[in-house]
Amino acid sequence: MHMIFADITISMSEFKKNPASVLRQAGSRPVAVLNHNKAAFYMVEPRLFQAMLDELAGQEARSPTASTTAPAPQDKRPAWRAAMARLEISTALAPSPPSPPDH
């Protein structure tokens, strides 16, 4: 079994037919593009990608390096979910039904 770190998935062959349509339908949500039912890559908008990088940098900054005291509890959500929450993007939205490709 493989973990998929997105609420929306699409096959590689479907993605290749019309990537712009996938981007529009996903809105601000990440999309896992699958090849043989495994994530080949993730599509995220630039704003979310930057927020993920900021979240990871924040987690790294909060991480104790040489401290002997107990670490403070940290957000255990994946960075993309924490970033989306910070951007006030709903991760609970159901994916939109696919629309016919633009011609």
PDB file of N, CA and C in Angstrom:
ATOM      1  N   MET A   1       0.854  -1.169   0.000  1.00  0.00           N
ATOM      2  CA  MET A   1       0.000   0.000   0.000  1.00  0.00           C
ATOM      3  C   MET A   1       0.899   1.230   0.000  1.00  0.00           C
ATOM      4  N   HIS A   2       0.477   2.262  -0.703  1.00  0.00           N
ATOM      5  CA  HIS A   2       1.238   3.502  -0.806  1.00  0.00           C
ATOM      6  C   HIS A   2       0.394   4.651  -0.281  1.00  0.00           C
ATOM      7  N   MET A   3       1.026   5.551   0.444  1.00  0.00           N
ATOM      8  CA  MET A   3       0.333   6.740   0.951  1.00  0.00           C
ATOM      9  C   MET A   3       0.154   7.738  -0.191  1.00  0.00           C
ATOM     10  N   ILE A   4      -1.003   8.339  -0.227  1.00  0.00           N
ATOM     11  CA  ILE A   4      -1.284   9.414  -1.173  1.00  0.00           C
ATOM     12  C   ILE A   4      -1.518  10.660  -0.321  1.00  0.00           C
ATOM     13  N   PHE A   5      -0.754  11.702  -0.573  1.00  0.00           N
ATOM     14  CA  PHE A   5      -0.815  12.911   0.242  1.00  0.00           C
ATOM     15  C   PHE A   5      -1.629  14.008  -0.431  1.00  0.00           C
ATOM     16  N   ALA A   6      -2.798  13.644  -0.919  1.00  0.00           N
ATOM     17  CA  ALA A   6      -3.709  14.610  -1.531  1.00  0.00           C
ATOM     18  C   ALA A   6      -5.116  14.025  -1.484  1.00  0.00           C
ATOM     19  N   ASP A   7      -6.085  14.889  -1.474  1.00  0.00           N
ATOM     20  CA  ASP A   7      -7.483  14.443  -1.469  1.00  0.00           C
ATOM     21  C   ASP A   7      -8.001  14.184  -2.876  1.00  0.00           C
ATOM     22  N   ILE A   8      -7.307  14.698  -3.872  1.00  0.00           N
ATOM     23  CA  ILE A   8      -7.719  14.531  -5.270  1.00  0.00           C
ATOM     24  C   ILE A   8      -6.647  13.737  -5.989  1.00  0.00           C
ATOM     25  N   THR A   9      -7.067  12.736  -6.735  1.00  0.00           N
ATOM     26  CA  THR A   9      -6.137  11.949  -7.537  1.00  0.00           C
ATOM     27  C   THR A   9      -6.636  11.877  -8.972  1.00  0.00           C
ATOM     28  N   ILE A  10      -5.692  11.685  -9.881  1.00  0.00           N
ATOM     29  CA  ILE A  10      -6.029  11.525 -11.290  1.00  0.00           C
ATOM     30  C   ILE A  10      -4.962  10.639 -11.914  1.00  0.00           C
ATOM     31  N   SER A  11      -5.338   9.851 -12.890  1.00  0.00           N
ATOM     32  CA  SER A  11      -4.349   9.008 -13.566  1.00  0.00           C
ATOM     33  C   SER A  11      -3.483   9.875 -14.476  1.00  0.00           C
ATOM     34  N   MET A  12      -2.296   9.403 -14.736  1.00  0.00           N
ATOM     35  CA  MET A  12      -1.371  10.114 -15.610  1.00  0.00           C
ATOM     36  C   MET A  12      -1.990  10.321 -16.995  1.00  0.00           C
ATOM     37  N   SER A  13      -2.642   9.275 -17.518  1.00  0.00           N
ATOM     38  CA  SER A  13      -3.220   9.395 -18.860  1.00  0.00           C
ATOM     39  C   SER A  13      -4.332  10.442 -18.895  1.00  0.00           C
ATOM     40  N   GLU A  14      -5.160  10.515 -17.859  1.00  0.00           N
ATOM     41  CA  GLU A  14      -6.213  11.532 -17.808  1.00  0.00           C
ATOM     42  C   GLU A  14      -5.605  12.919 -17.637  1.00  0.00           C
ATOM     43  N   PHE A  15      -4.577  13.028 -16.803  1.00  0.00           N
ATOM     44  CA  PHE A  15      -3.920  14.311 -16.588  1.00  0.00           C
ATOM     45  C   PHE A  15      -3.326  14.842 -17.883  1.00  0.00           C
ATOM     46  N   LYS A  16      -2.687  13.975 -18.661  1.00  0.00           N
ATOM     47  CA  LYS A  16      -2.035  14.401 -19.905  1.00  0.00           C
ATOM     48  C   LYS A  16      -3.035  14.911 -20.935  1.00  0.00           C
ATOM     49  N   LYS A  17      -4.283  14.453 -20.864  1.00  0.00           N
ATOM     50  CA  LYS A  17      -5.292  14.900 -21.829  1.00  0.00           C
ATOM     51  C   LYS A  17      -5.562  16.395 -21.711  1.00  0.00           C
ATOM     52  N   ASN A  18      -5.607  16.911 -20.476  1.00  0.00           N
ATOM     53  CA  ASN A  18      -5.911  18.329 -20.302  1.00  0.00           C
ATOM     54  C   ASN A  18      -5.457  18.809 -18.924  1.00  0.00           C
ATOM     55  N   PRO A  19      -4.148  19.049 -18.750  1.00  0.00           N
ATOM     56  CA  PRO A  19      -3.644  19.485 -17.451  1.00  0.00           C
ATOM     57  C   PRO A  19      -4.260  20.803 -16.968  1.00  0.00           C
ATOM     58  N   ALA A  20      -4.546  21.728 -17.892  1.00  0.00           N
ATOM     59  CA  ALA A  20      -5.138  23.011 -17.492  1.00  0.00           C
ATOM     60  C   ALA A  20      -6.505  22.807 -16.857  1.00  0.00           C
ATOM     61  N   SER A  21      -7.273  21.873 -17.369  1.00  0.00           N
ATOM     62  CA  SER A  21      -8.585  21.581 -16.803  1.00  0.00           C
ATOM     63  C   SER A  21      -8.455  20.995 -15.394  1.00  0.00           C
ATOM     64  N   VAL A  22      -7.474  20.127 -15.204  1.00  0.00           N
ATOM     65  CA  VAL A  22      -7.233  19.549 -13.873  1.00  0.00           C
ATOM     66  C   VAL A  22      -6.890  20.667 -12.895  1.00  0.00           C
ATOM     67  N   LEU A  23      -6.029  21.574 -13.318  1.00  0.00           N
ATOM     68  CA  LEU A  23      -5.629  22.701 -12.475  1.00  0.00           C
ATOM     69  C   LEU A  23      -6.831  23.555 -12.092  1.00  0.00           C
ATOM     70  N   ARG A  24      -7.686  23.851 -13.058  1.00  0.00           N
ATOM     71  CA  ARG A  24      -8.895  24.651 -12.785  1.00  0.00           C
ATOM     72  C   ARG A  24      -9.816  23.928 -11.815  1.00  0.00           C
ATOM     73  N   GLN A  25     -10.047  22.646 -12.038  1.00  0.00           N
ATOM     74  CA  GLN A  25     -10.981  21.896 -11.197  1.00  0.00           C
ATOM     75  C   GLN A  25     -10.464  21.726  -9.777  1.00  0.00           C
ATOM     76  N   ALA A  26      -9.156  21.611  -9.626  1.00  0.00           N
ATOM     77  CA  ALA A  26      -8.571  21.411  -8.295  1.00  0.00           C
ATOM     78  C   ALA A  26      -8.644  22.676  -7.460  1.00  0.00           C
ATOM     79  N   GLY A  27      -8.691  23.815  -8.125  1.00  0.00           N
ATOM     80  CA  GLY A  27      -8.691  25.068  -7.379  1.00  0.00           C
ATOM     81  C   GLY A  27      -7.373  25.201  -6.630  1.00  0.00           C
ATOM     82  N   SER A  28      -7.457  25.350  -5.338  1.00  0.00           N
ATOM     83  CA  SER A  28      -6.252  25.505  -4.516  1.00  0.00           C
ATOM     84  C   SER A  28      -5.795  24.195  -3.884  1.00  0.00           C
ATOM     85  N   ARG A  29      -6.489  23.113  -4.186  1.00  0.00           N
ATOM     86  CA  ARG A  29      -6.165  21.834  -3.541  1.00  0.00           C
ATOM     87  C   ARG A  29      -5.090  21.078  -4.308  1.00  0.00           C
ATOM     88  N   PRO A  30      -4.236  20.347  -3.586  1.00  0.00           N
ATOM     89  CA  PRO A  30      -3.205  19.542  -4.260  1.00  0.00           C
ATOM     90  C   PRO A  30      -3.819  18.351  -4.982  1.00  0.00           C
ATOM     91  N   VAL A  31      -3.172  17.921  -6.048  1.00  0.00           N
ATOM     92  CA  VAL A  31      -3.627  16.782  -6.846  1.00  0.00           C
ATOM     93  C   VAL A  31      -2.471  15.784  -6.945  1.00  0.00           C
ATOM     94  N   ALA A  32      -2.745  14.529  -6.662  1.00  0.00           N
ATOM     95  CA  ALA A  32      -1.760  13.467  -6.868  1.00  0.00           C
ATOM     96  C   ALA A  32      -1.993  12.883  -8.253  1.00  0.00           C
ATOM     97  N   VAL A  33      -0.965  12.920  -9.083  1.00  0.00           N
ATOM     98  CA  VAL A  33      -1.054  12.339 -10.423  1.00  0.00           C
ATOM     99  C   VAL A  33      -0.448  10.942 -10.323  1.00  0.00           C
ATOM    100  N   LEU A  34      -1.262   9.932 -10.636  1.00  0.00           N
ATOM    101  CA  LEU A  34      -0.882   8.540 -10.429  1.00  0.00           C
ATOM    102  C   LEU A  34      -0.400   7.873 -11.708  1.00  0.00           C
ATOM    103  N   ASN A  35       0.621   7.054 -11.538  1.00  0.00           N
ATOM    104  CA  ASN A  35       1.109   6.205 -12.613  1.00  0.00           C
ATOM    105  C   ASN A  35       1.107   4.790 -12.057  1.00  0.00           C
ATOM    106  N   HIS A  36       0.295   3.919 -12.622  1.00  0.00           N
ATOM    107  CA  HIS A  36       0.120   2.549 -12.117  1.00  0.00           C
ATOM    108  C   HIS A  36      -0.277   2.559 -10.638  1.00  0.00           C
ATOM    109  N   ASN A  37      -1.224   3.434 -10.301  1.00  0.00           N
ATOM    110  CA  ASN A  37      -1.789   3.556  -8.957  1.00  0.00           C
ATOM    111  C   ASN A  37      -0.785   3.969  -7.892  1.00  0.00           C
ATOM    112  N   LYS A  38       0.317   4.580  -8.282  1.00  0.00           N
ATOM    113  CA  LYS A  38       1.293   5.139  -7.338  1.00  0.00           C
ATOM    114  C   LYS A  38       1.469   6.608  -7.694  1.00  0.00           C
ATOM    115  N   ALA A  39       1.670   7.428  -6.679  1.00  0.00           N
ATOM    116  CA  ALA A  39       1.866   8.859  -6.947  1.00  0.00           C
ATOM    117  C   ALA A  39       3.148   9.060  -7.739  1.00  0.00           C
ATOM    118  N   ALA A  40       3.003   9.622  -8.932  1.00  0.00           N
ATOM    119  CA  ALA A  40       4.169   9.948  -9.757  1.00  0.00           C
ATOM    120  C   ALA A  40       4.657  11.349  -9.409  1.00  0.00           C
ATOM    121  N   PHE A  41       3.705  12.262  -9.177  1.00  0.00           N
ATOM    122  CA  PHE A  41       4.036  13.610  -8.734  1.00  0.00           C
ATOM    123  C   PHE A  41       2.779  14.266  -8.194  1.00  0.00           C
ATOM    124  N   TYR A  42       2.988  15.398  -7.541  1.00  0.00           N
ATOM    125  CA  TYR A  42       1.892  16.171  -6.989  1.00  0.00           C
ATOM    126  C   TYR A  42       1.848  17.521  -7.690  1.00  0.00           C
ATOM    127  N   MET A  43       0.658  17.966  -8.004  1.00  0.00           N
ATOM    128  CA  MET A  43       0.461  19.271  -8.596  1.00  0.00           C
ATOM    129  C   MET A  43      -0.089  20.179  -7.496  1.00  0.00           C
ATOM    130  N   VAL A  44       0.626  21.267  -7.235  1.00  0.00           N
ATOM    131  CA  VAL A  44       0.155  22.257  -6.259  1.00  0.00           C
ATOM    132  C   VAL A  44       0.348  23.640  -6.862  1.00  0.00           C
ATOM    133  N   GLU A  45      -0.517  24.558  -6.485  1.00  0.00           N
ATOM    134  CA  GLU A  45      -0.384  25.920  -6.975  1.00  0.00           C
ATOM    135  C   GLU A  45       0.792  26.593  -6.263  1.00  0.00           C
ATOM    136  N   PRO A  46       1.384  27.607  -6.873  1.00  0.00           N
ATOM    137  CA  PRO A  46       2.565  28.249  -6.286  1.00  0.00           C
ATOM    138  C   PRO A  46       2.349  28.776  -4.864  1.00  0.00           C
ATOM    139  N   ARG A  47       1.172  29.319  -4.600  1.00  0.00           N
ATOM    140  CA  ARG A  47       0.896  29.858  -3.258  1.00  0.00           C
ATOM    141  C   ARG A  47       0.948  28.754  -2.204  1.00  0.00           C
ATOM    142  N   LEU A  48       0.394  27.588  -2.514  1.00  0.00           N
ATOM    143  CA  LEU A  48       0.424  26.470  -1.577  1.00  0.00           C
ATOM    144  C   LEU A  48       1.848  25.933  -1.438  1.00  0.00           C
ATOM    145  N   PHE A  49       2.581  25.850  -2.531  1.00  0.00           N
ATOM    146  CA  PHE A  49       3.956  25.376  -2.477  1.00  0.00           C
ATOM    147  C   PHE A  49       4.784  26.278  -1.564  1.00  0.00           C
ATOM    148  N   GLN A  50       4.638  27.589  -1.694  1.00  0.00           N
ATOM    149  CA  GLN A  50       5.370  28.521  -0.831  1.00  0.00           C
ATOM    150  C   GLN A  50       4.953  28.352   0.617  1.00  0.00           C
ATOM    151  N   ALA A  51       3.645  28.188   0.863  1.00  0.00           N
ATOM    152  CA  ALA A  51       3.166  27.987   2.232  1.00  0.00           C
ATOM    153  C   ALA A  51       3.723  26.698   2.822  1.00  0.00           C
ATOM    154  N   MET A  52       3.846  25.647   2.003  1.00  0.00           N
ATOM    155  CA  MET A  52       4.431  24.383   2.482  1.00  0.00           C
ATOM    156  C   MET A  52       5.888  24.592   2.859  1.00  0.00           C
ATOM    157  N   LEU A  53       6.629  25.316   2.026  1.00  0.00           N
ATOM    158  CA  LEU A  53       8.031  25.593   2.345  1.00  0.00           C
ATOM    159  C   LEU A  53       8.141  26.396   3.637  1.00  0.00           C
ATOM    160  N   ASP A  54       7.274  27.384   3.809  1.00  0.00           N
ATOM    161  CA  ASP A  54       7.270  28.182   5.034  1.00  0.00           C
ATOM    162  C   ASP A  54       6.944  27.319   6.247  1.00  0.00           C
ATOM    163  N   GLU A  55       5.966  26.417   6.094  1.00  0.00           N
ATOM    164  CA  GLU A  55       5.582  25.523   7.189  1.00  0.00           C
ATOM    165  C   GLU A  55       6.744  24.620   7.578  1.00  0.00           C
ATOM    166  N   LEU A  56       7.415  24.054   6.593  1.00  0.00           N
ATOM    167  CA  LEU A  56       8.560  23.191   6.879  1.00  0.00           C
ATOM    168  C   LEU A  56       9.681  23.968   7.552  1.00  0.00           C
ATOM    169  N   ALA A  57       9.926  25.189   7.097  1.00  0.00           N
ATOM    170  CA  ALA A  57      10.952  26.019   7.727  1.00  0.00           C
ATOM    171  C   ALA A  57      10.567  26.331   9.168  1.00  0.00           C
ATOM    172  N   GLY A  58       9.300  26.586   9.410  1.00  0.00           N
ATOM    173  CA  GLY A  58       8.825  26.846  10.768  1.00  0.00           C
ATOM    174  C   GLY A  58       8.980  25.635  11.662  1.00  0.00           C
ATOM    175  N   GLN A  59       8.670  24.454  11.133  1.00  0.00           N
ATOM    176  CA  GLN A  59       8.837  23.224  11.917  1.00  0.00           C
ATOM    177  C   GLN A  59      10.300  22.990  12.236  1.00  0.00           C
ATOM    178  N   GLU A  60      11.151  23.258  11.261  1.00  0.00           N
ATOM    179  CA  GLU A  60      12.586  23.090  11.467  1.00  0.00           C
ATOM    180  C   GLU A  60      13.088  24.064  12.531  1.00  0.00           C
ATOM    181  N   ALA A  61      12.594  25.289  12.500  1.00  0.00           N
ATOM    182  CA  ALA A  61      13.008  26.299  13.469  1.00  0.00           C
ATOM    183  C   ALA A  61      12.540  25.944  14.878  1.00  0.00           C
ATOM    184  N   ARG A  62      11.373  25.304  14.980  1.00  0.00           N
ATOM    185  CA  ARG A  62      10.838  24.925  16.295  1.00  0.00           C
ATOM    186  C   ARG A  62      11.457  23.644  16.830  1.00  0.00           C
ATOM    187  N   SER A  63      12.095  22.875  15.981  1.00  0.00           N
ATOM    188  CA  SER A  63      12.655  21.585  16.368  1.00  0.00           C
ATOM    189  C   SER A  63      13.861  21.795  17.277  1.00  0.00           C
ATOM    190  N   PRO A  64      13.873  21.092  18.414  1.00  0.00           N
ATOM    191  CA  PRO A  64      15.033  21.225  19.304  1.00  0.00           C
ATOM    192  C   PRO A  64      16.249  20.551  18.667  1.00  0.00           C
ATOM    193  N   THR A  65      17.375  21.210  18.694  1.00  0.00           N
ATOM    194  CA  THR A  65      18.573  20.628  18.088  1.00  0.00           C
ATOM    195  C   THR A  65      19.458  19.986  19.138  1.00  0.00           C
ATOM    196  N   ALA A  66      19.873  20.755  20.113  1.00  0.00           N
ATOM    197  CA  ALA A  66      20.752  20.204  21.146  1.00  0.00           C
ATOM    198  C   ALA A  66      20.131  20.347  22.521  1.00  0.00           C
ATOM    199  N   SER A  67      18.856  20.597  22.570  1.00  0.00           N
ATOM    200  CA  SER A  67      18.173  20.817  23.835  1.00  0.00           C
ATOM    201  C   SER A  67      17.966  19.507  24.581  1.00  0.00           C
ATOM    202  N   THR A  68      18.104  19.568  25.902  1.00  0.00           N
ATOM    203  CA  THR A  68      17.853  18.372  26.724  1.00  0.00           C
ATOM    204  C   THR A  68      16.457  18.401  27.317  1.00  0.00           C
ATOM    205  N   THR A  69      15.736  19.518  27.131  1.00  0.00           N
ATOM    206  CA  THR A  69      14.374  19.593  27.634  1.00  0.00           C
ATOM    207  C   THR A  69      13.430  18.931  26.649  1.00  0.00           C
ATOM    208  N   ALA A  70      12.259  18.579  27.127  1.00  0.00           N
ATOM    209  CA  ALA A  70      11.266  17.933  26.264  1.00  0.00           C
ATOM    210  C   ALA A  70      10.798  18.916  25.201  1.00  0.00           C
ATOM    211  N   PRO A  71      10.677  18.459  23.956  1.00  0.00           N
ATOM    212  CA  PRO A  71      10.220  19.359  22.898  1.00  0.00           C
ATOM    213  C   PRO A  71       8.766  19.752  23.091  1.00  0.00           C
ATOM    214  N   ALA A  72       8.435  20.938  22.639  1.00  0.00           N
ATOM    215  CA  ALA A  72       7.047  21.392  22.680  1.00  0.00           C
ATOM    216  C   ALA A  72       6.237  20.584  21.680  1.00  0.00           C
ATOM    217  N   PRO A  73       4.968  20.310  21.982  1.00  0.00           N
ATOM    218  CA  PRO A  73       4.154  19.570  21.011  1.00  0.00           C
ATOM    219  C   PRO A  73       4.089  20.338  19.700  1.00  0.00           C
ATOM    220  N   GLN A  74       4.213  19.603  18.610  1.00  0.00           N
ATOM    221  CA  GLN A  74       4.186  20.221  17.288  1.00  0.00           C
ATOM    222  C   GLN A  74       2.967  19.748  16.525  1.00  0.00           C
ATOM    223  N   ASP A  75       2.617  20.520  15.535  1.00  0.00           N
ATOM    224  CA  ASP A  75       1.521  20.176  14.645  1.00  0.00           C
ATOM    225  C   ASP A  75       1.902  18.885  13.926  1.00  0.00           C
ATOM    226  N   LYS A  76       1.092  17.855  14.040  1.00  0.00           N
ATOM    227  CA  LYS A  76       1.412  16.559  13.435  1.00  0.00           C
ATOM    228  C   LYS A  76       0.799  16.389  12.058  1.00  0.00           C
ATOM    229  N   ARG A  77       0.076  17.401  11.562  1.00  0.00           N
ATOM    230  CA  ARG A  77      -0.503  17.306  10.222  1.00  0.00           C
ATOM    231  C   ARG A  77       0.608  17.365   9.181  1.00  0.00           C
ATOM    232  N   PRO A  78       0.390  16.728   8.036  1.00  0.00           N
ATOM    233  CA  PRO A  78       1.368  16.915   6.954  1.00  0.00           C
ATOM    234  C   PRO A  78       1.501  18.402   6.646  1.00  0.00           C
ATOM    235  N   ALA A  79       2.676  18.794   6.189  1.00  0.00           N
ATOM    236  CA  ALA A  79       2.946  20.213   5.940  1.00  0.00           C
ATOM    237  C   ALA A  79       1.921  20.830   4.993  1.00  0.00           C
ATOM    238  N   TRP A  80       1.471  20.066   3.979  1.00  0.00           N
ATOM    239  CA  TRP A  80       0.525  20.660   3.032  1.00  0.00           C
ATOM    240  C   TRP A  80      -0.813  20.931   3.683  1.00  0.00           C
ATOM    241  N   ARG A  81      -1.248  20.075   4.619  1.00  0.00           N
ATOM    242  CA  ARG A  81      -2.524  20.339   5.304  1.00  0.00           C
ATOM    243  C   ARG A  81      -2.383  21.529   6.253  1.00  0.00           C
ATOM    244  N   ALA A  82      -1.270  21.605   6.969  1.00  0.00           N
ATOM    245  CA  ALA A  82      -1.052  22.738   7.862  1.00  0.00           C
ATOM    246  C   ALA A  82      -0.978  24.032   7.064  1.00  0.00           C
ATOM    247  N   ALA A  83      -0.305  23.984   5.926  1.00  0.00           N
ATOM    248  CA  ALA A  83      -0.193  25.173   5.076  1.00  0.00           C
ATOM    249  C   ALA A  83      -1.561  25.580   4.545  1.00  0.00           C
ATOM    250  N   MET A  84      -2.362  24.600   4.127  1.00  0.00           N
ATOM    251  CA  MET A  84      -3.699  24.913   3.616  1.00  0.00           C
ATOM    252  C   MET A  84      -4.562  25.525   4.710  1.00  0.00           C
ATOM    253  N   ALA A  85      -4.438  24.998   5.936  1.00  0.00           N
ATOM    254  CA  ALA A  85      -5.217  25.543   7.048  1.00  0.00           C
ATOM    255  C   ALA A  85      -4.803  26.988   7.307  1.00  0.00           C
ATOM    256  N   ARG A  86      -3.496  27.244   7.233  1.00  0.00           N
ATOM    257  CA  ARG A  86      -3.003  28.592   7.443  1.00  0.00           C
ATOM    258  C   ARG A  86      -3.490  29.536   6.341  1.00  0.00           C
ATOM    259  N   LEU A  87      -3.630  29.022   5.140  1.00  0.00           N
ATOM    260  CA  LEU A  87      -4.120  29.828   4.026  1.00  0.00           C
ATOM    261  C   LEU A  87      -5.647  29.893   4.001  1.00  0.00           C
ATOM    262  N   GLU A  88      -6.289  29.217   4.968  1.00  0.00           N
ATOM    263  CA  GLU A  88      -7.745  29.151   5.052  1.00  0.00           C
ATOM    264  C   GLU A  88      -8.363  28.537   3.815  1.00  0.00           C
ATOM    265  N   ILE A  89      -7.748  27.460   3.338  1.00  0.00           N
ATOM    266  CA  ILE A  89      -8.279  26.706   2.210  1.00  0.00           C
ATOM    267  C   ILE A  89      -8.917  25.456   2.788  1.00  0.00           C
ATOM    268  N   SER A  90     -10.148  25.193   2.448  1.00  0.00           N
ATOM    269  CA  SER A  90     -10.843  24.029   2.995  1.00  0.00           C
ATOM    270  C   SER A  90     -10.334  22.748   2.360  1.00  0.00           C
ATOM    271  N   THR A  91      -9.865  21.808   3.210  1.00  0.00           N
ATOM    272  CA  THR A  91      -9.446  20.507   2.712  1.00  0.00           C
ATOM    273  C   THR A  91     -10.606  19.516   2.756  1.00  0.00           C
ATOM    274  N   ALA A  92     -11.738  19.960   3.284  1.00  0.00           N
ATOM    275  CA  ALA A  92     -12.885  19.051   3.398  1.00  0.00           C
ATOM    276  C   ALA A  92     -13.769  19.085   2.156  1.00  0.00           C
ATOM    277  N   LEU A  93     -13.455  19.948   1.199  1.00  0.00           N
ATOM    278  CA  LEU A  93     -14.282  20.025  -0.007  1.00  0.00           C
ATOM    279  C   LEU A  93     -14.178  18.741  -0.809  1.00  0.00           C
ATOM    280  N   ALA A  94     -15.276  18.279  -1.285  1.00  0.00           N
ATOM    281  CA  ALA A  94     -15.265  17.104  -2.165  1.00  0.00           C
ATOM    282  C   ALA A  94     -14.755  17.527  -3.530  1.00  0.00           C
ATOM    283  N   PRO A  95     -14.014  16.646  -4.200  1.00  0.00           N
ATOM    284  CA  PRO A  95     -13.546  17.004  -5.541  1.00  0.00           C
ATOM    285  C   PRO A  95     -14.716  17.252  -6.480  1.00  0.00           C
ATOM    286  N   SER A  96     -14.536  18.208  -7.355  1.00  0.00           N
ATOM    287  CA  SER A  96     -15.572  18.507  -8.344  1.00  0.00           C
ATOM    288  C   SER A  96     -15.660  17.370  -9.345  1.00  0.00           C
ATOM    289  N   PRO A  97     -16.845  17.071  -9.835  1.00  0.00           N
ATOM    290  CA  PRO A  97     -16.932  16.049 -10.870  1.00  0.00           C
ATOM    291  C   PRO A  97     -16.187  16.520 -12.107  1.00  0.00           C
ATOM    292  N   PRO A  98     -15.558  15.599 -12.822  1.00  0.00           N
ATOM    293  CA  PRO A  98     -14.805  16.022 -13.994  1.00  0.00           C
ATOM    294  C   PRO A  98     -15.717  16.624 -15.050  1.00  0.00           C
ATOM    295  N   SER A  99     -15.215  17.659 -15.684  1.00  0.00           N
ATOM    296  CA  SER A  99     -15.978  18.265 -16.767  1.00  0.00           C
ATOM    297  C   SER A  99     -15.356  17.828 -18.084  1.00  0.00           C
ATOM    298  N   PRO A 100     -16.121  17.929 -19.161  1.00  0.00           N
ATOM    299  CA  PRO A 100     -15.573  17.528 -20.451  1.00  0.00           C
ATOM    300  C   PRO A 100     -14.356  18.389 -20.793  1.00  0.00           C
ATOM    301  N   PRO A 101     -13.379  17.810 -21.456  1.00  0.00           N
ATOM    302  CA  PRO A 101     -12.184  18.593 -21.813  1.00  0.00           C
ATOM    303  C   PRO A 101     -12.526  19.757 -22.720  1.00  0.00           C
ATOM    304  N   ASP A 102     -11.768  20.854 -22.545  1.00  0.00           N
ATOM    305  CA  ASP A 102     -11.939  22.023 -23.417  1.00  0.00           C
ATOM    306  C   ASP A 102     -11.339  21.714 -24.771  1.00  0.00           C
ATOM    307  N   HIS A 103     -12.035  22.074 -25.814  1.00  0.00           N
ATOM    308  CA  HIS A 103     -11.510  21.851 -27.181  1.00  0.00           C
ATOM    309  C   HIS A 103     -11.276  23.161 -27.862  1.00  0.00           C
TER     310      HIS A 103
END
